[in-house]
Protein backbone atom coordinates (compact mmCIF):
# COMPACT_ATOMS: atom_id res chain seq x y z
CA MET A 1 15.21 -20.57 30.05
CA ALA A 2 13.97 -17.30 31.54
CA ARG A 3 11.03 -16.34 33.73
CA ILE A 4 9.07 -13.45 32.22
CA LEU A 5 6.72 -11.53 34.50
CA VAL A 6 3.77 -9.86 32.75
CA THR A 7 1.80 -7.38 34.87
CA GLU A 8 -0.70 -6.01 32.36
CA GLU A 9 -2.90 -7.28 29.55
CA ILE A 10 -0.76 -8.14 26.51
CA ALA A 11 -2.00 -9.71 23.27
CA ASP A 12 -1.77 -13.50 23.51
CA GLY A 13 0.11 -13.79 20.23
CA GLY A 14 3.19 -12.09 21.64
CA LEU A 15 3.19 -14.11 24.86
CA ASP A 16 2.73 -17.33 22.90
CA ARG A 17 5.85 -16.47 20.90
CA LEU A 18 7.84 -16.34 24.14
CA ARG A 19 6.36 -19.59 25.41
CA ALA A 20 7.16 -21.27 22.10
CA VAL A 21 10.91 -20.77 22.61
CA GLY A 22 10.77 -22.25 26.10
CA HIS A 23 10.42 -19.24 28.40
CA THR A 24 8.11 -19.31 31.41
CA VAL A 25 5.52 -16.53 31.03
CA ASP A 26 4.09 -15.59 34.42
CA VAL A 27 1.01 -13.36 34.03
CA ARG A 28 0.19 -11.42 37.22
CA THR A 29 -2.14 -8.54 36.42
CA GLY A 30 -3.50 -6.06 38.96
CA LEU A 31 -0.52 -6.20 41.32
CA SER A 32 -0.16 -3.55 44.00
CA ALA A 33 3.18 -1.79 44.40
CA SER A 34 4.13 -4.04 47.32
CA GLU A 35 3.04 -7.19 45.50
CA LEU A 36 5.17 -6.21 42.51
CA LEU A 37 8.24 -6.02 44.76
CA THR A 38 7.63 -9.64 45.71
CA GLU A 39 6.72 -11.00 42.29
CA ILE A 40 9.67 -9.36 40.51
CA VAL A 41 12.16 -11.43 42.50
CA GLY A 42 13.60 -14.10 40.23
CA ALA A 43 12.19 -12.60 37.04
CA HIS A 44 14.57 -12.15 34.12
CA ALA A 45 12.17 -9.98 32.11
CA LEU A 46 9.24 -7.70 32.95
CA ILE A 47 6.58 -6.80 30.40
CA ILE A 48 4.28 -3.87 31.17
CA ARG A 49 2.06 -1.24 29.60
CA SER A 50 1.33 2.16 31.13
CA ALA A 51 -0.12 1.27 34.55
CA THR A 52 2.86 -0.50 36.16
CA ASN A 53 5.33 1.84 37.83
CA VAL A 54 8.86 0.49 37.46
CA ASP A 55 10.77 2.71 39.86
CA ARG A 56 14.17 2.37 41.51
CA ALA A 57 12.75 0.24 44.33
CA VAL A 58 11.36 -2.29 41.85
CA LEU A 59 14.64 -2.41 39.95
CA GLU A 60 16.64 -2.92 43.14
CA ALA A 61 14.37 -5.81 44.14
CA ALA A 62 14.74 -7.39 40.69
CA THR A 63 18.21 -8.85 41.17
CA ASP A 64 17.93 -11.15 38.12
CA LEU A 65 16.21 -8.69 35.80
CA LEU A 66 17.76 -8.22 32.35
CA VAL A 67 15.07 -6.34 30.44
CA VAL A 68 11.90 -4.28 30.93
CA GLY A 69 9.58 -4.34 27.93
CA ARG A 70 6.96 -1.61 27.54
CA ALA A 71 4.26 -2.70 25.08
CA GLY A 72 3.75 0.80 23.70
CA ILE A 73 5.66 4.02 23.24
CA GLY A 74 5.68 6.17 26.39
CA LEU A 75 8.17 5.40 29.15
CA ASP A 76 7.28 7.91 31.86
CA ASN A 77 6.34 4.99 34.17
CA VAL A 78 9.86 3.48 33.93
CA ASP A 79 12.92 4.88 35.70
CA VAL A 80 15.20 4.49 32.69
CA GLU A 81 18.17 6.07 34.47
CA ALA A 82 17.99 3.60 37.36
CA ALA A 83 17.58 0.71 34.92
CA THR A 84 20.67 1.78 32.99
CA GLU A 85 22.72 2.02 36.20
CA ARG A 86 21.79 -1.59 36.98
CA GLY A 87 22.46 -2.81 33.44
CA VAL A 88 18.77 -3.51 32.76
CA MET A 89 17.74 -2.94 29.17
CA VAL A 90 14.53 -0.96 28.58
CA VAL A 91 12.73 -1.65 25.32
CA ASN A 92 9.49 -0.42 23.83
CA ALA A 93 7.40 -0.83 20.69
CA PRO A 94 7.65 2.64 19.15
CA GLN A 95 5.95 1.83 15.87
CA SER A 96 3.20 -0.47 17.09
CA ASN A 97 0.49 2.13 17.72
CA ILE A 98 1.48 5.06 15.54
CA VAL A 99 -1.28 4.50 13.00
CA SER A 100 -3.90 4.01 15.72
CA ALA A 101 -2.73 7.15 17.57
CA ALA A 102 -2.78 9.21 14.38
CA GLU A 103 -6.26 7.97 13.49
CA HIS A 104 -7.55 8.70 17.00
CA THR A 105 -6.10 12.20 16.70
CA MET A 106 -8.10 12.68 13.52
CA ALA A 107 -11.19 11.26 15.21
CA LEU A 108 -10.94 13.82 18.02
CA LEU A 109 -10.12 16.57 15.52
CA LEU A 110 -13.31 15.84 13.61
CA ALA A 111 -15.30 15.40 16.82
CA GLN A 112 -14.18 18.88 17.92
CA ALA A 113 -14.90 20.45 14.55
CA ARG A 114 -18.44 19.02 14.42
CA ASN A 115 -19.33 18.66 18.13
CA VAL A 116 -20.04 14.97 17.62
CA ALA A 117 -19.93 13.88 21.27
CA GLN A 118 -22.00 16.82 22.52
CA ALA A 119 -24.71 16.37 19.88
CA HIS A 120 -24.84 12.64 20.57
CA SER A 121 -25.27 13.16 24.33
CA ALA A 122 -28.05 15.71 23.78
CA LEU A 123 -29.97 13.54 21.34
CA VAL A 124 -29.89 10.34 23.41
CA ALA A 125 -31.03 12.48 26.37
CA GLY A 126 -34.12 13.49 24.38
CA ARG A 127 -32.97 16.91 23.09
CA TRP A 128 -32.89 17.80 19.38
CA GLU A 129 -30.32 20.63 19.40
CA ARG A 130 -29.40 21.02 15.76
CA SER A 131 -28.66 24.75 15.86
CA LYS A 132 -26.77 24.67 19.16
CA TRP A 133 -24.03 22.37 17.88
CA GLU A 134 -23.07 24.11 14.68
CA GLY A 135 -19.53 23.15 13.70
CA VAL A 136 -16.70 24.31 11.44
CA GLU A 137 -15.06 22.84 8.35
CA LEU A 138 -11.49 21.60 8.41
CA ALA A 139 -10.82 22.79 4.86
CA ASP A 140 -8.61 25.91 4.75
CA LYS A 141 -8.12 25.84 8.52
CA THR A 142 -4.61 25.86 10.01
CA LEU A 143 -3.50 22.76 11.90
CA GLY A 144 -0.61 23.34 14.29
CA ILE A 145 1.42 20.18 14.99
CA VAL A 146 3.65 20.20 18.06
CA GLY A 147 6.12 17.38 17.46
CA LEU A 148 6.71 16.22 13.90
CA GLY A 149 7.84 12.70 14.68
CA ARG A 150 6.33 9.43 13.47
CA ILE A 151 2.79 10.17 14.65
CA GLY A 152 2.95 13.88 13.86
CA LYS A 153 3.89 13.09 10.26
CA LEU A 154 1.00 10.63 9.90
CA VAL A 155 -1.42 13.25 11.24
CA ALA A 156 -0.01 15.79 8.78
CA ASP A 157 -0.55 13.35 5.90
CA ARG A 158 -4.17 12.78 6.88
CA ALA A 159 -4.93 16.45 7.59
CA ARG A 160 -3.57 17.39 4.18
CA GLY A 161 -6.32 15.25 2.68
CA PHE A 162 -8.87 17.53 4.36
CA GLY A 163 -7.32 20.58 2.72
CA MET A 164 -5.80 21.99 5.89
CA ARG A 165 -2.78 24.31 6.05
CA LEU A 166 -0.02 22.63 8.09
CA VAL A 167 2.37 24.41 10.45
CA ALA A 168 4.55 22.74 13.07
CA TYR A 169 7.03 23.19 15.89
CA ASP A 170 9.85 20.66 16.23
CA PRO A 171 13.42 21.78 17.02
CA PHE A 172 14.79 18.41 15.88
CA VAL A 173 13.41 18.54 12.33
CA SER A 174 14.98 20.61 9.56
CA ALA A 175 12.90 23.16 7.68
CA GLU A 176 13.76 21.41 4.41
CA LYS A 177 12.53 18.04 5.65
CA ALA A 178 9.31 19.60 6.95
CA ARG A 179 8.71 21.40 3.64
CA SER A 180 9.10 18.11 1.78
CA GLY A 181 6.04 16.93 3.70
CA GLY A 182 4.08 20.10 3.05
CA VAL A 183 4.62 21.49 6.56
CA GLU A 184 5.92 24.94 7.50
CA LEU A 185 8.16 25.03 10.59
CA MET A 186 7.93 27.99 12.97
CA PRO A 187 8.46 28.84 16.66
CA LEU A 188 5.99 27.35 19.15
CA ASP A 189 4.32 30.61 20.09
CA GLN A 190 3.77 31.42 16.40
CA VAL A 191 2.28 27.95 15.79
CA VAL A 192 -0.17 28.54 18.65
CA ALA A 193 -0.99 32.05 17.42
CA GLU A 194 -1.79 30.94 13.86
CA ALA A 195 -3.48 27.58 14.49
CA ASP A 196 -7.22 26.87 14.41
CA PHE A 197 -6.50 23.38 15.70
CA LEU A 198 -3.43 22.40 17.75
CA THR A 199 -2.40 18.76 18.16
CA ILE A 200 0.35 17.49 20.48
CA HIS A 201 2.77 14.68 19.60
CA LEU A 202 5.62 14.85 22.13
CA PRO A 203 6.99 12.50 24.79
CA ARG A 204 6.43 13.48 28.41
CA THR A 205 9.74 14.72 29.79
CA PRO A 206 10.71 17.31 32.42
CA GLU A 207 11.07 19.78 29.54
CA THR A 208 7.61 19.12 28.05
CA VAL A 209 5.50 18.94 31.23
CA GLY A 210 3.21 21.99 31.26
CA LEU A 211 4.50 23.10 27.86
CA ILE A 212 1.02 24.12 26.73
CA GLY A 213 0.13 26.46 29.60
CA ARG A 214 -1.65 29.73 30.33
CA ASP A 215 0.94 32.10 28.82
CA LEU A 216 1.00 30.18 25.55
CA LEU A 217 -2.78 29.84 25.33
CA LEU A 218 -3.18 33.61 25.76
CA LYS A 219 -1.44 33.99 22.38
CA ALA A 220 -4.06 31.85 20.60
CA LYS A 221 -6.99 32.84 18.42
CA PRO A 222 -10.46 32.45 20.00
CA SER A 223 -11.14 29.74 17.42
CA LEU A 224 -8.33 27.46 18.63
CA ARG A 225 -9.18 23.91 19.61
CA VAL A 226 -6.49 21.78 21.35
CA ILE A 227 -6.16 18.01 20.79
CA ASN A 228 -3.84 15.84 22.92
CA VAL A 229 -3.42 12.13 22.22
CA ALA A 230 0.25 12.10 23.36
CA ARG A 231 0.87 12.06 27.12
CA GLY A 232 -0.92 13.64 30.05
CA GLY A 233 0.71 16.64 31.69
CA ILE A 234 2.09 18.21 28.53
CA VAL A 235 -1.05 20.33 28.47
CA ASP A 236 -1.75 22.15 31.75
CA GLU A 237 -5.31 20.96 32.39
CA GLU A 238 -6.19 23.74 34.84
CA ALA A 239 -4.91 26.42 32.46
CA LEU A 240 -6.71 24.79 29.53
CA ALA A 241 -10.01 24.65 31.42
CA GLU A 242 -9.65 28.30 32.44
CA ALA A 243 -8.88 29.36 28.85
CA ILE A 244 -11.99 27.57 27.58
CA ARG A 245 -14.25 28.95 30.34
CA ASP A 246 -13.01 32.49 29.65
CA GLY A 247 -13.47 32.21 25.90
CA VAL A 248 -9.73 32.54 25.23
CA ILE A 249 -9.96 29.41 23.02
CA ALA A 250 -12.92 27.49 21.62
CA GLY A 251 -12.46 23.98 22.99
CA ALA A 252 -10.36 20.87 23.43
CA ALA A 253 -10.28 17.11 22.98
CA LEU A 254 -8.10 15.01 25.27
CA ASP A 255 -7.29 11.31 25.38
CA VAL A 256 -4.61 11.56 28.08
CA PHE A 257 -4.44 13.15 31.51
CA VAL A 258 -1.84 14.12 34.08
CA SER A 259 -3.04 11.32 36.37
CA GLU A 260 -4.51 8.09 35.04
CA PRO A 261 -6.90 6.47 35.47
CA THR A 262 -9.08 9.44 36.44
CA THR A 263 -12.75 10.36 36.53
CA GLU A 264 -12.24 13.91 37.75
CA SER A 265 -10.90 16.89 35.86
CA PRO A 266 -11.85 20.58 35.57
CA LEU A 267 -12.32 19.86 31.87
CA PHE A 268 -15.09 17.29 32.33
CA GLN A 269 -17.74 19.90 33.12
CA LEU A 270 -17.18 21.96 29.96
CA ASP A 271 -19.54 21.44 27.02
CA SER A 272 -16.88 22.29 24.45
CA VAL A 273 -14.51 19.55 25.64
CA THR A 274 -14.41 15.98 24.31
CA VAL A 275 -12.58 13.33 26.33
CA THR A 276 -11.71 9.65 25.94
CA PRO A 277 -9.97 7.30 28.43
CA HIS A 278 -6.53 6.90 26.80
CA LEU A 279 -7.80 5.10 23.71
CA GLY A 280 -5.02 6.20 21.35
CA ALA A 281 -3.51 2.71 21.13
CA SER A 282 -6.71 0.82 21.85
CA THR A 283 -7.25 -0.93 18.55
CA ARG A 284 -6.98 -4.63 17.88
CA GLU A 285 -4.24 -4.01 15.33
CA ALA A 286 -2.14 -1.86 17.66
CA GLN A 287 -2.42 -4.32 20.53
CA ASP A 288 -1.40 -7.24 18.32
CA LYS A 289 1.56 -5.31 16.91
CA ALA A 290 2.66 -4.15 20.37
CA GLY A 291 2.47 -7.67 21.78
CA ASP A 292 4.39 -9.18 18.87
CA THR A 293 7.02 -6.43 18.84
CA ILE A 294 7.71 -6.43 22.56
CA ALA A 295 7.92 -10.25 22.57
CA ASP A 296 10.55 -10.10 19.83
CA MET A 297 12.52 -7.37 21.63
CA VAL A 298 12.45 -9.20 24.97
CA GLN A 299 13.54 -12.44 23.30
CA LEU A 300 16.49 -10.66 21.66
CA ALA A 301 17.47 -9.07 24.98
CA LEU A 302 17.32 -12.38 26.85
CA ALA A 303 19.49 -13.97 24.17
CA GLY A 304 22.07 -11.20 24.54
CA ASP A 305 21.55 -10.03 20.97
CA PHE A 306 21.27 -6.52 19.58
CA VAL A 307 17.82 -5.03 20.30
CA PRO A 308 16.66 -2.44 17.75
CA PHE A 309 14.13 -0.76 20.05
CA ALA A 310 16.24 -0.52 23.22
CA VAL A 311 15.96 3.02 24.56
CA ASN A 312 18.93 3.05 26.96
CA LEU A 313 21.76 1.92 24.73
CA ALA A 314 24.66 4.32 24.26
CA ALA A 315 24.27 3.85 20.51
CA ALA A 316 21.92 4.54 17.67
CA GLU A 317 19.96 1.76 15.99
CA ALA A 318 22.37 -0.36 13.97
CA HIS A 319 22.32 0.22 10.24
CA GLU A 320 21.34 -2.96 8.39
CA SER A 321 24.82 -3.25 6.86
CA LEU A 322 26.35 -3.15 10.37
CA ARG A 323 24.27 -5.85 12.01
CA PRO A 324 26.11 -8.84 10.51
CA PHE A 325 29.34 -7.46 12.00
CA LEU A 326 28.09 -7.29 15.60
CA PRO A 327 28.70 -10.99 16.43
CA LEU A 328 32.18 -10.64 14.92
CA ALA A 329 32.89 -7.54 17.02
CA GLU A 330 31.74 -9.33 20.18
CA ARG A 331 33.91 -12.35 19.40
CA LEU A 332 36.93 -10.17 18.68
CA GLY A 333 36.39 -8.46 22.03
CA SER A 334 36.40 -11.79 23.82
CA LEU A 335 39.50 -13.03 21.97
CA PHE A 336 41.24 -9.73 22.67
CA GLY A 337 40.60 -10.25 26.38
CA SER A 338 42.42 -13.57 26.14
CA LEU A 339 45.19 -12.04 24.05
CA VAL A 340 46.08 -9.45 26.67
CA GLY A 341 45.89 -12.12 29.37
CA ALA A 342 42.82 -10.80 31.20
CA GLY A 343 42.43 -13.90 33.34
CA LEU A 344 41.38 -16.05 30.40
CA GLY A 345 44.45 -18.16 29.82
CA GLY A 346 46.69 -15.60 28.16
CA ALA A 347 50.37 -16.37 28.46
CA GLN A 348 51.31 -13.17 30.26
CA GLY A 349 48.58 -13.15 32.89
CA THR A 350 48.39 -9.35 32.78
CA ARG A 351 45.42 -7.16 33.58
CA LEU A 352 43.32 -5.28 31.04
CA PRO A 353 45.17 -2.37 29.46
CA SER A 354 44.35 1.17 30.55
CA SER A 355 42.98 2.00 27.11
CA ILE A 356 41.86 0.35 23.90
CA GLU A 357 41.15 1.62 20.41
CA ILE A 358 38.34 0.17 18.31
CA VAL A 359 38.83 0.89 14.62
CA VAL A 360 36.08 0.35 12.03
CA GLU A 361 37.22 0.65 8.43
CA GLY A 362 35.63 0.30 5.01
CA ASP A 363 32.04 0.61 3.84
CA ILE A 364 30.69 0.11 7.37
CA GLY A 365 32.81 3.04 8.56
CA ALA A 366 30.30 5.41 6.98
CA HIS A 367 27.66 4.61 9.61
CA ASP A 368 27.20 5.35 13.30
CA ASN A 369 29.47 2.67 14.77
CA ARG A 370 28.83 3.07 18.49
CA ILE A 371 26.99 -0.26 18.56
CA VAL A 372 30.17 -1.95 17.25
CA GLY A 373 32.07 -0.55 20.24
CA LEU A 374 29.38 -1.83 22.59
CA SER A 375 29.64 -5.27 21.00
CA VAL A 376 33.41 -5.30 21.53
CA LEU A 377 33.00 -4.32 25.19
CA LYS A 378 30.26 -6.90 25.67
CA GLY A 379 32.58 -9.63 24.41
CA LEU A 380 35.57 -8.34 26.34
CA PHE A 381 33.85 -8.16 29.74
CA SER A 382 31.74 -11.31 29.29
CA GLY A 383 35.00 -13.21 29.53
CA VAL A 384 36.18 -11.55 32.75
CA SER A 385 32.89 -11.22 34.65
CA SER A 386 30.72 -13.82 36.32
CA ASP A 387 27.72 -11.47 36.06
CA PRO A 388 25.77 -11.02 32.82
CA VAL A 389 27.22 -8.36 30.51
CA THR A 390 24.82 -6.60 28.17
CA TYR A 391 24.90 -3.79 25.65
CA VAL A 392 23.49 -1.61 28.45
CA ASN A 393 25.99 -2.25 31.23
CA ALA A 394 29.11 -2.87 29.12
CA PRO A 395 30.08 0.85 29.17
CA GLN A 396 29.62 0.87 32.94
CA ARG A 397 31.89 -2.18 33.24
CA ALA A 398 34.54 -0.35 31.21
CA LYS A 399 34.23 2.72 33.43
CA GLU A 400 34.54 0.64 36.60
CA ALA A 401 37.64 -1.06 35.18
CA GLY A 402 39.21 2.30 34.37
CA LEU A 403 39.30 1.37 30.69
CA ASP A 404 39.49 4.33 28.33
CA VAL A 405 37.78 3.44 25.03
CA ARG A 406 38.57 5.31 21.82
CA GLU A 407 36.50 4.63 18.70
CA VAL A 408 37.75 5.45 15.22
CA SER A 409 35.90 5.13 11.90
CA SER A 410 37.17 5.37 8.35
CA THR A 411 35.46 4.72 5.03
CA THR A 412 38.68 3.34 3.52
CA SER A 413 40.63 0.16 4.26
CA ALA A 414 43.93 -0.82 2.68
CA ASP A 415 43.34 -4.56 2.24
CA TYR A 416 39.70 -5.34 3.07
CA VAL A 417 36.25 -4.13 2.10
CA ASN A 418 35.44 -3.95 5.82
CA LEU A 419 37.66 -4.45 8.86
CA ILE A 420 37.27 -4.24 12.66
CA THR A 421 40.45 -3.90 14.69
CA ILE A 422 41.00 -3.75 18.46
CA LYS A 423 44.27 -2.34 19.79
CA GLY A 424 45.60 -1.91 23.32
CA GLY A 425 48.23 -3.00 25.80
CA GLY A 426 50.71 -3.75 23.05
CA HIS A 427 48.32 -6.17 21.33
CA GLU A 428 45.92 -6.03 18.40
CA ILE A 429 43.43 -8.30 16.71
CA ALA A 430 41.39 -7.72 13.56
CA GLY A 431 38.60 -9.51 11.76
CA THR A 432 36.29 -9.27 8.79
CA LEU A 433 33.44 -11.09 7.08
CA ALA A 434 34.32 -13.05 3.96
CA GLY A 435 32.44 -14.55 1.06
CA ARG A 436 28.80 -14.43 0.04
CA ARG A 437 27.73 -15.94 3.34
CA GLY A 438 29.64 -13.36 5.39
CA GLU A 439 31.74 -15.88 7.32
CA GLN A 440 33.85 -14.55 10.19
CA ARG A 441 37.60 -14.44 9.69
CA ILE A 442 40.47 -13.44 11.97
CA VAL A 443 42.96 -11.71 9.70
CA LEU A 444 45.48 -10.09 12.05
CA VAL A 445 46.94 -10.84 15.48
CA ASP A 446 49.81 -8.79 16.89
CA GLY A 447 51.16 -7.81 13.49
CA HIS A 448 50.85 -11.28 11.93
CA THR A 449 48.36 -11.83 9.12
CA PHE A 450 46.06 -14.84 9.04
CA ASP A 451 42.86 -16.09 7.46
CA VAL A 452 41.23 -18.30 10.08
CA PRO A 453 37.57 -18.71 11.11
CA PRO A 454 37.31 -18.01 14.85
CA ALA A 455 36.46 -20.82 17.24
CA ASP A 456 35.36 -20.93 20.87
CA ASP A 457 38.82 -22.10 21.92
CA MET A 458 41.89 -21.22 19.88
CA VAL A 459 45.62 -21.62 20.35
CA MET A 460 48.26 -19.12 19.23
CA ILE A 461 51.81 -20.45 19.09
CA THR A 462 54.88 -18.32 18.49
CA ASN A 463 57.79 -20.39 17.23
CA ASP A 464 61.14 -20.30 15.45
CA ASP A 465 60.53 -19.98 11.71
CA ARG A 466 62.26 -23.23 10.69
CA PRO A 467 61.21 -26.58 9.25
CA GLY A 468 59.68 -29.21 11.51
CA VAL A 469 58.00 -27.05 14.14
CA ILE A 470 54.55 -27.23 12.54
CA GLY A 471 54.92 -31.01 12.33
CA THR A 472 55.87 -31.18 16.00
CA VAL A 473 52.78 -29.21 16.99
CA GLY A 474 50.50 -31.34 14.81
CA THR A 475 51.94 -34.55 16.22
CA MET A 476 51.59 -33.44 19.85
CA LEU A 477 48.00 -32.33 19.36
CA GLY A 478 47.17 -35.56 17.52
CA GLU A 479 48.64 -37.68 20.29
CA ALA A 480 46.46 -35.73 22.76
CA GLY A 481 43.36 -36.51 20.68
CA VAL A 482 42.92 -32.93 19.50
CA ASN A 483 41.83 -32.44 15.90
CA ILE A 484 42.62 -29.21 14.02
CA ALA A 485 39.66 -27.63 12.21
CA ASP A 486 41.56 -24.63 10.80
CA MET A 487 45.07 -23.28 10.98
CA ASP A 488 47.17 -20.55 9.38
CA VAL A 489 50.74 -19.32 9.82
CA GLY A 490 51.88 -15.71 9.93
CA ARG A 491 55.52 -14.79 9.55
CA SER A 492 57.60 -11.83 10.65
CA GLU A 493 60.27 -10.44 8.32
CA THR A 494 62.30 -8.97 11.20
CA ASP A 495 62.56 -11.35 14.14
CA GLY A 496 62.81 -14.78 12.45
CA LEU A 497 59.64 -15.96 14.20
CA ALA A 498 56.38 -17.39 12.93
CA VAL A 499 53.00 -17.52 14.59
CA MET A 500 50.52 -20.37 14.23
CA LEU A 501 46.84 -19.59 14.83
CA ILE A 502 45.00 -22.85 15.39
CA ALA A 503 41.26 -23.48 15.66
CA PRO A 504 40.91 -26.97 17.22
CA THR A 505 37.64 -28.87 17.30
CA SER A 506 37.77 -28.97 21.11
CA GLU A 507 39.45 -27.20 23.99
CA VAL A 508 43.12 -28.05 24.45
CA ALA A 509 43.86 -29.28 27.98
CA PRO A 510 46.25 -27.20 30.14
CA GLU A 511 48.77 -30.06 30.35
CA VAL A 512 48.90 -30.24 26.55
CA LEU A 513 49.52 -26.49 26.37
CA ASP A 514 52.34 -26.89 28.90
CA ALA A 515 53.85 -29.69 26.85
CA LEU A 516 53.75 -27.52 23.74
CA ARG A 517 55.52 -24.70 25.58
CA ALA A 518 58.34 -27.09 26.45
CA ALA A 519 58.74 -28.39 22.88
CA PRO A 520 61.84 -27.46 20.83
CA GLY A 521 61.41 -24.31 18.76
CA ILE A 522 58.32 -23.10 20.63
CA VAL A 523 58.66 -19.57 22.03
CA SER A 524 55.21 -19.07 23.56
CA VAL A 525 51.74 -20.63 23.65
CA ALA A 526 48.55 -18.70 24.38
CA SER A 527 45.01 -19.98 24.72
CA LEU A 528 42.39 -17.64 23.23
CA THR A 529 38.80 -18.12 24.33
CA SER A 530 35.68 -16.51 22.88
């Protein structure tokens, strides 16, 4: 089983889930950068939160690393590009803290509206300052939401309950979808100009760093109050402090800062500013959900399965109707590698073709099928590589091999409800899921139709289409102690040949395959491995 290095505090429930399946969970909190470079050696998975910096140097030292799990949403402390280059999957828990972050946003919104923190500090210091800390109502005020994603939508829902007018900026959300949630979309500068309260819900990227800066704040009303529970650096802290000092805006509440942890900021000396030390996800419920989610994602990654919350896959999250087909696609990819003779016992001993076509037909063709293509490549290159092949590095393996991959989808299929076909190098193989239990079936190989459940080791025999050949094959396999679990025969109307696709209960020895090739009526014998 795998060694999982954990460098920050994670809820015990999630770690116990990993231990329960046999993994070694190595908790090493408080590591320095140099200590991390030592401890990461030999680890197959790394679980972090926001304080561990997983840069290129760490990834290069982690020669066995398969997955980095971030127990939370933000990934600005992980070099995702470098991880992808090395085939390391990066996963997070994007839904674990959305309720907590939205509620903390509302807490800071209310604290700003009613000067809760300032009044508290004055009173416990012995000052009764009732008139000094007069607040404002939220009702009929305009809330500007920058980023109408999962958290932004939850904030909008809660603010609507206070009777606030909702406006938002998000270039990735349609005006119709926003209107359905009672939100009016508009350009960012207009949102800032009209808002009484402005809340930020964006990831930290090169494009969003410093987004809320001096020029934008100069367009605001004097009554504007800024709330940021997203990521530090999106709001220019120096510009924000200057705008508050100069009376350009009324105040701010921040939970995140450009550098963390920190006890120094130009904002800390301003009475109209409320701050908290990155508490957006700091609830018992969020921590439990993050720990459980990241444990599940890491376990899937270590098992080589599809990971719904992987951020560096060249595919969208698999639709639920697609997921049962991913193991089939991977198996077809592996069998196709054998079929074209890619060093896996194929009769011709040829190299991979220069291009392949992956065709998805039927009901599943209506969805984003990129993950099906990744599954095919994962199966194909797992059979020709001694290094682990994952959904992340499979496209890189194809690029290095000079393999051009074409993906085709269609919502119609002539003979099957759903069908996955791989073509290339003069060969093709197709499969589907059959019956109520969705059992895998190989239904086409090189123009011959079959109905055979795939096995780890299969034998394809091309023979003269005449009586007695099937009996010869059965006798020879029986004498070698090989039992046949499944078998089907496909015929050709043009060349007088038939093809047997056999799923034995065990691998057929090379000397038995050679004996079959020498038998009367046998044209060719290929071993297909998945």
